Amino acid sequence: MSMGYKNLLIWVEGPDDERFFDRIIKPILEKKYDSIKIIRYANMKKEKVDNFLKSIKSMKASYDYIFTTDINNTPCITAKKQEIQDKLSNIDISRIIVVIKEIESWYLAGSGEKYSKNISNTDSISKEQFNNFIPKKFDSRIDFMLEILKYFRIEMAKHKNKSFRYFVDKYNCNVFKTI
């Protein structure tokens, strides 16, 4: 009897999230899945997202998914998960990962001493605060983000951001596995 083909869909809000998951998370999770696809949902109609989730639910043997969302200004993780569940009736609440505060906080958490040496915790970093960390030598925000991803340090990020640590632990994304 053969093992089933296992697919993972990672739902992300926008291009910065997609870039992060594609460069940092996907290579780690590729060891556990036959196929990983990242889907940007921010500009999709909620009915389309909900119908997609409904079809995934019906194929649960071959599909797994992670649904990410920024906490933004929601008071807590539970409230944010409830807000998502109110919009998407077919979502499995246990598959929602809340990024605190926004994906930029995860970037900065693993950026190394060069860009975040004076920050011990990035949980409250917003997009606007992140933009203040961009050195003048970078032509764009995206160039800076790509530079961070080249040298991203997962262990450092786990110490500097609680929601990143939760994600890494929940999905067993630690890079220091025995060979």
N, C-alpha and C. Protein backbone atom coordinates (compact mmCIF):
# COMPACT_ATOMS: atom_id res chain seq x y z
N MET A 1 0.85 -1.18 0.00
CA MET A 1 0.00 0.00 0.00
C MET A 1 0.89 1.24 0.00
N SER A 2 0.65 2.17 -0.91
CA SER A 2 1.51 3.35 -1.02
C SER A 2 0.95 4.50 -0.19
N MET A 3 1.85 5.36 0.21
CA MET A 3 1.46 6.56 0.96
C MET A 3 0.83 7.54 -0.02
N GLY A 4 -0.13 8.32 0.45
CA GLY A 4 -0.79 9.29 -0.41
C GLY A 4 0.11 10.47 -0.74
N TYR A 5 -0.19 11.07 -1.84
CA TYR A 5 0.49 12.28 -2.27
C TYR A 5 0.06 13.41 -1.35
N LYS A 6 0.99 14.14 -0.75
CA LYS A 6 0.64 15.16 0.24
C LYS A 6 0.98 16.55 -0.27
N ASN A 7 -0.03 17.38 -0.35
CA ASN A 7 0.12 18.76 -0.82
C ASN A 7 -0.08 19.72 0.33
N LEU A 8 0.62 20.84 0.28
CA LEU A 8 0.43 21.89 1.28
C LEU A 8 0.12 23.19 0.55
N LEU A 9 -0.92 23.85 1.00
CA LEU A 9 -1.25 25.19 0.51
C LEU A 9 -0.98 26.16 1.65
N ILE A 10 -0.22 27.19 1.37
CA ILE A 10 0.04 28.22 2.37
C ILE A 10 -0.66 29.49 1.88
N TRP A 11 -1.67 29.90 2.62
CA TRP A 11 -2.42 31.10 2.28
C TRP A 11 -1.73 32.29 2.93
N VAL A 12 -1.41 33.30 2.15
CA VAL A 12 -0.74 34.50 2.66
C VAL A 12 -1.51 35.73 2.17
N GLU A 13 -1.32 36.84 2.87
CA GLU A 13 -2.05 38.05 2.50
C GLU A 13 -1.52 38.70 1.22
N GLY A 14 -0.24 39.04 1.22
CA GLY A 14 0.28 39.80 0.09
C GLY A 14 1.67 39.40 -0.35
N PRO A 15 2.29 40.21 -1.20
CA PRO A 15 3.59 39.87 -1.79
C PRO A 15 4.73 39.76 -0.77
N ASP A 16 4.74 40.56 0.27
CA ASP A 16 5.81 40.48 1.28
C ASP A 16 5.72 39.16 2.03
N ASP A 17 4.50 38.73 2.34
CA ASP A 17 4.27 37.45 3.01
C ASP A 17 4.69 36.30 2.07
N GLU A 18 4.28 36.41 0.81
CA GLU A 18 4.61 35.38 -0.17
C GLU A 18 6.13 35.22 -0.30
N ARG A 19 6.83 36.32 -0.38
CA ARG A 19 8.29 36.31 -0.49
C ARG A 19 8.92 35.62 0.73
N PHE A 20 8.44 35.95 1.91
CA PHE A 20 8.97 35.37 3.14
C PHE A 20 8.74 33.85 3.17
N PHE A 21 7.50 33.43 2.93
CA PHE A 21 7.18 32.00 3.00
C PHE A 21 7.88 31.22 1.89
N ASP A 22 8.01 31.83 0.73
CA ASP A 22 8.67 31.16 -0.39
C ASP A 22 10.16 30.93 -0.12
N ARG A 23 10.82 31.92 0.48
CA ARG A 23 12.27 31.84 0.67
C ARG A 23 12.69 31.18 1.98
N ILE A 24 11.89 31.33 3.03
CA ILE A 24 12.29 30.83 4.36
C ILE A 24 11.56 29.55 4.75
N ILE A 25 10.27 29.53 4.63
CA ILE A 25 9.47 28.41 5.14
C ILE A 25 9.35 27.25 4.15
N LYS A 26 9.08 27.57 2.91
CA LYS A 26 8.88 26.52 1.90
C LYS A 26 10.06 25.54 1.80
N PRO A 27 11.31 26.01 1.75
CA PRO A 27 12.43 25.05 1.65
C PRO A 27 12.50 24.07 2.83
N ILE A 28 12.06 24.51 4.00
CA ILE A 28 12.08 23.64 5.17
C ILE A 28 10.95 22.60 5.10
N LEU A 29 9.77 23.06 4.71
CA LEU A 29 8.61 22.18 4.68
C LEU A 29 8.61 21.24 3.47
N GLU A 30 9.44 21.52 2.48
CA GLU A 30 9.49 20.66 1.28
C GLU A 30 9.89 19.22 1.61
N LYS A 31 10.54 19.03 2.75
CA LYS A 31 10.94 17.69 3.16
C LYS A 31 9.72 16.85 3.57
N LYS A 32 8.62 17.52 3.93
CA LYS A 32 7.44 16.83 4.45
C LYS A 32 6.30 16.72 3.43
N TYR A 33 6.39 17.47 2.34
CA TYR A 33 5.29 17.51 1.37
C TYR A 33 5.81 17.26 -0.04
N ASP A 34 4.94 16.67 -0.85
CA ASP A 34 5.29 16.44 -2.25
C ASP A 34 5.18 17.73 -3.06
N SER A 35 4.28 18.60 -2.63
CA SER A 35 4.04 19.84 -3.35
C SER A 35 3.62 20.92 -2.36
N ILE A 36 4.16 22.12 -2.56
CA ILE A 36 3.78 23.27 -1.72
C ILE A 36 3.44 24.42 -2.64
N LYS A 37 2.26 24.98 -2.42
CA LYS A 37 1.84 26.12 -3.22
C LYS A 37 1.48 27.27 -2.28
N ILE A 38 1.93 28.46 -2.62
CA ILE A 38 1.61 29.64 -1.83
C ILE A 38 0.55 30.43 -2.59
N ILE A 39 -0.53 30.76 -1.89
CA ILE A 39 -1.65 31.47 -2.51
C ILE A 39 -1.85 32.81 -1.81
N ARG A 40 -1.86 33.88 -2.60
CA ARG A 40 -2.16 35.21 -2.05
C ARG A 40 -3.67 35.41 -2.07
N TYR A 41 -4.25 35.69 -0.91
CA TYR A 41 -5.71 35.80 -0.84
C TYR A 41 -6.24 37.21 -0.64
N ALA A 42 -5.38 38.18 -0.36
CA ALA A 42 -5.85 39.53 -0.01
C ALA A 42 -6.79 40.14 -1.05
N ASN A 43 -6.54 39.90 -2.32
CA ASN A 43 -7.38 40.50 -3.36
C ASN A 43 -8.43 39.54 -3.92
N MET A 44 -8.58 38.38 -3.30
CA MET A 44 -9.59 37.43 -3.75
C MET A 44 -10.92 37.72 -3.05
N LYS A 45 -12.01 37.43 -3.72
CA LYS A 45 -13.32 37.56 -3.08
C LYS A 45 -13.42 36.50 -1.98
N LYS A 46 -14.02 36.89 -0.84
CA LYS A 46 -14.07 35.94 0.28
C LYS A 46 -14.85 34.68 -0.09
N GLU A 47 -15.85 34.79 -0.98
CA GLU A 47 -16.61 33.61 -1.41
C GLU A 47 -15.69 32.62 -2.13
N LYS A 48 -14.79 33.15 -2.94
CA LYS A 48 -13.86 32.29 -3.68
C LYS A 48 -12.92 31.57 -2.71
N VAL A 49 -12.40 32.30 -1.72
CA VAL A 49 -11.52 31.71 -0.72
C VAL A 49 -12.29 30.64 0.06
N ASP A 50 -13.51 30.97 0.49
CA ASP A 50 -14.30 30.03 1.28
C ASP A 50 -14.63 28.76 0.48
N ASN A 51 -14.97 28.92 -0.79
CA ASN A 51 -15.25 27.75 -1.64
C ASN A 51 -14.00 26.90 -1.85
N PHE A 52 -12.85 27.55 -1.98
CA PHE A 52 -11.58 26.84 -2.11
C PHE A 52 -11.33 26.01 -0.85
N LEU A 53 -11.54 26.64 0.32
CA LEU A 53 -11.36 25.94 1.60
C LEU A 53 -12.34 24.77 1.72
N LYS A 54 -13.55 24.95 1.23
CA LYS A 54 -14.55 23.88 1.27
C LYS A 54 -14.08 22.69 0.42
N SER A 55 -13.52 22.98 -0.75
CA SER A 55 -13.04 21.89 -1.61
C SER A 55 -11.81 21.20 -1.00
N ILE A 56 -10.96 21.95 -0.32
CA ILE A 56 -9.80 21.36 0.36
C ILE A 56 -10.30 20.40 1.46
N LYS A 57 -11.32 20.85 2.20
CA LYS A 57 -11.88 20.03 3.27
C LYS A 57 -12.38 18.69 2.73
N SER A 58 -12.97 18.72 1.55
CA SER A 58 -13.49 17.48 0.97
C SER A 58 -12.38 16.55 0.47
N MET A 59 -11.16 17.10 0.27
CA MET A 59 -10.02 16.28 -0.16
C MET A 59 -8.98 16.18 0.94
N LYS A 60 -9.40 16.13 2.17
CA LYS A 60 -8.48 16.23 3.31
C LYS A 60 -7.35 15.21 3.32
N ALA A 61 -7.54 14.10 2.68
CA ALA A 61 -6.49 13.09 2.68
C ALA A 61 -5.25 13.54 1.92
N SER A 62 -5.43 14.37 0.90
CA SER A 62 -4.28 14.75 0.09
C SER A 62 -3.87 16.21 0.25
N TYR A 63 -4.67 17.01 0.94
CA TYR A 63 -4.35 18.43 1.10
C TYR A 63 -4.26 18.85 2.55
N ASP A 64 -3.24 19.64 2.80
CA ASP A 64 -3.03 20.26 4.10
C ASP A 64 -2.95 21.75 3.82
N TYR A 65 -3.28 22.59 4.77
CA TYR A 65 -3.10 24.03 4.52
C TYR A 65 -2.80 24.78 5.80
N ILE A 66 -2.18 25.93 5.58
CA ILE A 66 -1.88 26.88 6.64
C ILE A 66 -2.45 28.21 6.14
N PHE A 67 -3.21 28.88 6.98
CA PHE A 67 -3.81 30.16 6.61
C PHE A 67 -3.19 31.23 7.50
N THR A 68 -2.40 32.12 6.91
CA THR A 68 -1.74 33.16 7.71
C THR A 68 -2.48 34.49 7.61
N THR A 69 -2.42 35.24 8.69
CA THR A 69 -3.02 36.56 8.73
C THR A 69 -2.26 37.41 9.74
N ASP A 70 -2.16 38.70 9.45
CA ASP A 70 -1.53 39.62 10.41
C ASP A 70 -2.55 39.95 11.49
N ILE A 71 -2.06 40.15 12.71
CA ILE A 71 -2.97 40.53 13.80
C ILE A 71 -3.44 41.98 13.63
N ASN A 72 -2.56 42.80 13.01
CA ASN A 72 -2.84 44.22 12.83
C ASN A 72 -3.31 44.83 14.14
N ASN A 73 -4.52 45.39 14.17
CA ASN A 73 -4.98 46.05 15.40
C ASN A 73 -6.02 45.26 16.17
N THR A 74 -6.15 43.98 15.88
CA THR A 74 -7.07 43.13 16.63
C THR A 74 -6.49 42.94 18.04
N PRO A 75 -7.33 42.94 19.07
CA PRO A 75 -6.80 42.89 20.44
C PRO A 75 -6.01 41.63 20.82
N CYS A 76 -6.36 40.47 20.23
CA CYS A 76 -5.65 39.24 20.59
C CYS A 76 -5.79 38.19 19.49
N ILE A 77 -5.02 37.12 19.61
CA ILE A 77 -5.02 36.04 18.62
C ILE A 77 -6.40 35.40 18.50
N THR A 78 -7.04 35.14 19.63
CA THR A 78 -8.36 34.51 19.62
C THR A 78 -9.36 35.37 18.85
N ALA A 79 -9.33 36.68 19.08
CA ALA A 79 -10.25 37.59 18.38
C ALA A 79 -9.97 37.60 16.88
N LYS A 80 -8.69 37.56 16.51
CA LYS A 80 -8.34 37.56 15.08
C LYS A 80 -8.80 36.27 14.42
N LYS A 81 -8.59 35.13 15.09
CA LYS A 81 -9.04 33.85 14.53
C LYS A 81 -10.55 33.84 14.37
N GLN A 82 -11.26 34.40 15.36
CA GLN A 82 -12.72 34.46 15.29
C GLN A 82 -13.16 35.36 14.13
N GLU A 83 -12.47 36.47 13.94
CA GLU A 83 -12.77 37.40 12.84
C GLU A 83 -12.64 36.67 11.49
N ILE A 84 -11.59 35.87 11.34
CA ILE A 84 -11.38 35.12 10.10
C ILE A 84 -12.48 34.06 9.94
N GLN A 85 -12.78 33.35 11.03
CA GLN A 85 -13.81 32.31 10.97
C GLN A 85 -15.19 32.90 10.65
N ASP A 86 -15.44 34.11 11.11
CA ASP A 86 -16.72 34.77 10.80
C ASP A 86 -16.82 35.07 9.30
N LYS A 87 -15.68 35.36 8.66
CA LYS A 87 -15.67 35.65 7.23
C LYS A 87 -15.63 34.39 6.37
N LEU A 88 -14.94 33.37 6.86
CA LEU A 88 -14.72 32.14 6.09
C LEU A 88 -15.27 30.94 6.87
N SER A 89 -16.49 30.56 6.60
CA SER A 89 -17.14 29.51 7.39
C SER A 89 -16.49 28.13 7.22
N ASN A 90 -15.76 27.91 6.13
CA ASN A 90 -15.16 26.60 5.89
C ASN A 90 -13.73 26.47 6.41
N ILE A 91 -13.26 27.48 7.12
CA ILE A 91 -11.88 27.42 7.60
C ILE A 91 -11.79 26.58 8.88
N ASP A 92 -10.69 25.86 8.99
CA ASP A 92 -10.39 25.11 10.21
C ASP A 92 -9.58 26.08 11.08
N ILE A 93 -10.16 26.48 12.20
CA ILE A 93 -9.53 27.50 13.05
C ILE A 93 -8.13 27.09 13.51
N SER A 94 -7.88 25.80 13.62
CA SER A 94 -6.56 25.33 14.07
C SER A 94 -5.48 25.53 12.99
N ARG A 95 -5.91 25.85 11.78
CA ARG A 95 -4.94 26.06 10.68
C ARG A 95 -4.62 27.53 10.46
N ILE A 96 -5.21 28.39 11.28
CA ILE A 96 -4.94 29.83 11.17
C ILE A 96 -3.71 30.17 11.99
N ILE A 97 -2.76 30.82 11.36
CA ILE A 97 -1.56 31.31 12.04
C ILE A 97 -1.62 32.84 12.04
N VAL A 98 -1.57 33.42 13.21
CA VAL A 98 -1.62 34.87 13.33
C VAL A 98 -0.20 35.41 13.48
N VAL A 99 0.17 36.25 12.54
CA VAL A 99 1.50 36.88 12.54
C VAL A 99 1.40 38.15 13.37
N ILE A 100 2.29 38.28 14.36
CA ILE A 100 2.25 39.46 15.23
C ILE A 100 3.52 40.27 15.01
N LYS A 101 3.36 41.48 14.69
CA LYS A 101 2.16 42.24 14.40
C LYS A 101 1.84 42.15 12.90
N GLU A 102 2.88 42.25 12.10
CA GLU A 102 2.76 42.10 10.66
C GLU A 102 3.98 41.33 10.17
N ILE A 103 3.96 40.85 8.94
CA ILE A 103 5.05 40.00 8.44
C ILE A 103 6.41 40.70 8.54
N GLU A 104 6.41 42.01 8.49
CA GLU A 104 7.68 42.75 8.61
C GLU A 104 8.36 42.46 9.94
N SER A 105 7.56 42.16 10.98
CA SER A 105 8.15 41.84 12.29
C SER A 105 8.92 40.53 12.22
N TRP A 106 8.48 39.59 11.38
CA TRP A 106 9.20 38.32 11.21
C TRP A 106 10.49 38.55 10.44
N TYR A 107 10.43 39.38 9.40
CA TYR A 107 11.64 39.70 8.65
C TYR A 107 12.70 40.28 9.60
N LEU A 108 12.30 41.29 10.34
CA LEU A 108 13.25 41.98 11.22
C LEU A 108 13.79 41.06 12.31
N ALA A 109 12.94 40.17 12.80
CA ALA A 109 13.36 39.25 13.87
C ALA A 109 14.56 38.40 13.47
N GLY A 110 14.62 38.00 12.20
CA GLY A 110 15.71 37.14 11.75
C GLY A 110 16.77 37.85 10.95
N SER A 111 16.76 39.17 11.00
CA SER A 111 17.66 39.95 10.14
C SER A 111 19.11 40.00 10.61
N GLY A 112 19.37 39.46 11.76
CA GLY A 112 20.76 39.43 12.24
C GLY A 112 21.15 40.73 12.92
N GLU A 113 22.33 40.69 13.47
CA GLU A 113 22.83 41.85 14.23
C GLU A 113 22.98 43.10 13.37
N LYS A 114 23.21 42.91 12.10
CA LYS A 114 23.44 44.04 11.20
C LYS A 114 22.26 45.01 11.16
N TYR A 115 21.04 44.48 11.17
CA TYR A 115 19.87 45.35 11.01
C TYR A 115 18.97 45.45 12.24
N SER A 116 19.12 44.55 13.19
CA SER A 116 18.21 44.61 14.36
C SER A 116 18.95 44.39 15.67
N LYS A 117 20.19 44.82 15.74
CA LYS A 117 20.99 44.53 16.93
C LYS A 117 20.44 45.13 18.22
N ASN A 118 19.76 46.26 18.13
CA ASN A 118 19.25 46.91 19.33
C ASN A 118 17.81 46.49 19.68
N ILE A 119 17.30 45.51 18.97
CA ILE A 119 15.92 45.08 19.20
C ILE A 119 15.92 43.67 19.76
N SER A 120 15.32 43.52 20.95
CA SER A 120 15.27 42.17 21.54
C SER A 120 13.94 41.49 21.22
N ASN A 121 12.94 42.28 20.80
CA ASN A 121 11.62 41.72 20.53
C ASN A 121 10.96 42.51 19.39
N THR A 122 10.48 41.79 18.37
CA THR A 122 9.87 42.48 17.22
C THR A 122 8.34 42.32 17.19
N ASP A 123 7.75 41.80 18.26
CA ASP A 123 6.31 41.53 18.28
C ASP A 123 5.45 42.75 17.94
N SER A 124 5.91 43.93 18.26
CA SER A 124 5.06 45.11 18.03
C SER A 124 5.47 45.91 16.79
N ILE A 125 6.37 45.38 15.98
CA ILE A 125 6.85 46.12 14.79
C ILE A 125 5.78 46.14 13.70
N SER A 126 5.49 47.35 13.23
CA SER A 126 4.51 47.53 12.14
C SER A 126 5.27 47.78 10.84
N LYS A 127 4.55 47.83 9.73
CA LYS A 127 5.15 48.13 8.42
C LYS A 127 5.90 49.46 8.48
N GLU A 128 5.24 50.44 9.08
CA GLU A 128 5.81 51.79 9.14
C GLU A 128 7.12 51.80 9.94
N GLN A 129 7.13 51.09 11.07
CA GLN A 129 8.35 51.02 11.88
C GLN A 129 9.43 50.26 11.13
N PHE A 130 9.05 49.19 10.44
CA PHE A 130 10.00 48.41 9.65
C PHE A 130 10.69 49.32 8.62
N ASN A 131 9.89 50.16 7.97
CA ASN A 131 10.44 51.05 6.94
C ASN A 131 11.52 51.97 7.49
N ASN A 132 11.45 52.31 8.77
CA ASN A 132 12.46 53.16 9.40
C ASN A 132 13.80 52.45 9.56
N PHE A 133 13.81 51.13 9.46
CA PHE A 133 15.05 50.35 9.59
C PHE A 133 15.80 50.20 8.26
N ILE A 134 15.17 50.61 7.18
CA ILE A 134 15.79 50.41 5.86
C ILE A 134 16.96 51.37 5.69
N PRO A 135 18.17 50.81 5.56
CA PRO A 135 19.34 51.68 5.35
C PRO A 135 19.25 52.43 4.02
N LYS A 136 19.84 53.59 3.97
CA LYS A 136 19.77 54.45 2.78
C LYS A 136 20.38 53.78 1.54
N LYS A 137 21.29 52.83 1.75
CA LYS A 137 21.95 52.19 0.60
C LYS A 137 21.00 51.33 -0.24
N PHE A 138 19.82 51.01 0.30
CA PHE A 138 18.86 50.19 -0.46
C PHE A 138 17.95 51.08 -1.30
N ASP A 139 17.79 50.68 -2.55
CA ASP A 139 16.95 51.45 -3.48
C ASP A 139 15.46 51.29 -3.17
N SER A 140 15.12 50.16 -2.57
CA SER A 140 13.70 49.93 -2.28
C SER A 140 13.53 49.04 -1.07
N ARG A 141 12.33 49.03 -0.57
CA ARG A 141 11.92 48.19 0.55
C ARG A 141 12.11 46.71 0.18
N ILE A 142 11.75 46.37 -1.05
CA ILE A 142 11.87 44.98 -1.51
C ILE A 142 13.34 44.55 -1.53
N ASP A 143 14.24 45.43 -1.99
CA ASP A 143 15.67 45.10 -1.99
C ASP A 143 16.15 44.80 -0.57
N PHE A 144 15.70 45.60 0.39
CA PHE A 144 16.07 45.39 1.79
C PHE A 144 15.53 44.04 2.29
N MET A 145 14.28 43.75 1.96
CA MET A 145 13.67 42.49 2.39
C MET A 145 14.42 41.29 1.79
N LEU A 146 14.78 41.39 0.53
CA LEU A 146 15.53 40.31 -0.12
C LEU A 146 16.90 40.12 0.53
N GLU A 147 17.53 41.21 0.92
CA GLU A 147 18.82 41.14 1.61
C GLU A 147 18.66 40.42 2.95
N ILE A 148 17.61 40.75 3.69
CA ILE A 148 17.36 40.09 4.97
C ILE A 148 17.16 38.59 4.75
N LEU A 149 16.38 38.24 3.74
CA LEU A 149 16.07 36.82 3.48
C LEU A 149 17.31 36.02 3.10
N LYS A 150 18.28 36.67 2.47
CA LYS A 150 19.53 35.98 2.10
C LYS A 150 20.27 35.49 3.34
N TYR A 151 20.20 36.25 4.41
CA TYR A 151 20.97 35.95 5.63
C TYR A 151 20.07 35.67 6.83
N PHE A 152 18.80 35.37 6.58
CA PHE A 152 17.82 35.18 7.64
C PHE A 152 18.26 34.09 8.62
N ARG A 153 18.11 34.37 9.90
CA ARG A 153 18.52 33.43 10.95
C ARG A 153 17.29 32.98 11.74
N ILE A 154 16.87 31.74 11.49
CA ILE A 154 15.66 31.21 12.12
C ILE A 154 15.77 31.19 13.64
N GLU A 155 16.90 30.73 14.15
CA GLU A 155 17.04 30.66 15.62
C GLU A 155 16.94 32.04 16.26
N MET A 156 17.54 33.04 15.62
CA MET A 156 17.45 34.41 16.14
C MET A 156 16.00 34.88 16.10
N ALA A 157 15.33 34.62 14.98
CA ALA A 157 13.95 35.07 14.82
C ALA A 157 13.04 34.45 15.88
N LYS A 158 13.29 33.18 16.22
CA LYS A 158 12.49 32.52 17.25
C LYS A 158 12.63 33.23 18.60
N HIS A 159 13.79 33.77 18.88
CA HIS A 159 14.01 34.47 20.15
C HIS A 159 13.41 35.87 20.16
N LYS A 160 13.28 36.45 18.98
CA LYS A 160 12.82 37.84 18.91
C LYS A 160 11.34 38.02 18.59
N ASN A 161 10.66 36.93 18.20
CA ASN A 161 9.26 37.08 17.83
C ASN A 161 8.46 35.84 18.26
N LYS A 162 7.50 36.06 19.16
CA LYS A 162 6.71 34.95 19.73
C LYS A 162 5.88 34.23 18.67
N SER A 163 5.25 34.97 17.76
CA SER A 163 4.39 34.30 16.78
C SER A 163 5.23 33.51 15.77
N PHE A 164 6.44 33.99 15.46
CA PHE A 164 7.33 33.22 14.58
C PHE A 164 7.75 31.93 15.28
N ARG A 165 8.12 32.04 16.55
CA ARG A 165 8.51 30.86 17.33
C ARG A 165 7.36 29.85 17.38
N TYR A 166 6.14 30.33 17.59
CA TYR A 166 4.97 29.45 17.62
C TYR A 166 4.83 28.72 16.28
N PHE A 167 4.95 29.46 15.18
CA PHE A 167 4.83 28.85 13.86
C PHE A 167 5.89 27.78 13.64
N VAL A 168 7.14 28.12 13.92
CA VAL A 168 8.26 27.19 13.72
C VAL A 168 8.06 25.93 14.56
N ASP A 169 7.64 26.09 15.79
CA ASP A 169 7.42 24.93 16.67
C ASP A 169 6.21 24.11 16.22
N LYS A 170 5.12 24.77 15.86
CA LYS A 170 3.90 24.05 15.46
C LYS A 170 4.13 23.22 14.19
N TYR A 171 4.85 23.78 13.25
CA TYR A 171 5.06 23.09 11.98
C TYR A 171 6.43 22.43 11.88
N ASN A 172 7.10 22.34 13.03
CA ASN A 172 8.39 21.64 13.10
C ASN A 172 9.37 22.13 12.05
N CYS A 173 9.54 23.45 11.99
CA CYS A 173 10.41 24.08 10.99
C CYS A 173 11.81 24.35 11.51
N ASN A 174 12.17 23.75 12.61
CA ASN A 174 13.52 23.96 13.11
C ASN A 174 14.51 23.40 12.10
N VAL A 175 15.60 24.13 11.87
CA VAL A 175 16.58 23.69 10.89
C VAL A 175 17.63 22.78 11.47
N PHE A 176 17.68 22.69 12.79
CA PHE A 176 18.71 21.87 13.42
C PHE A 176 18.17 20.47 13.72
N LYS A 177 17.88 19.73 12.68
CA LYS A 177 17.38 18.37 12.84
C LYS A 177 18.56 17.41 12.68
N THR A 178 18.49 16.31 13.37
CA THR A 178 19.57 15.32 13.23
C THR A 178 19.49 14.66 11.86
N ILE A 179 20.64 14.36 11.33
CA ILE A 179 20.70 13.80 9.97
C ILE A 179 20.57 12.29 10.03
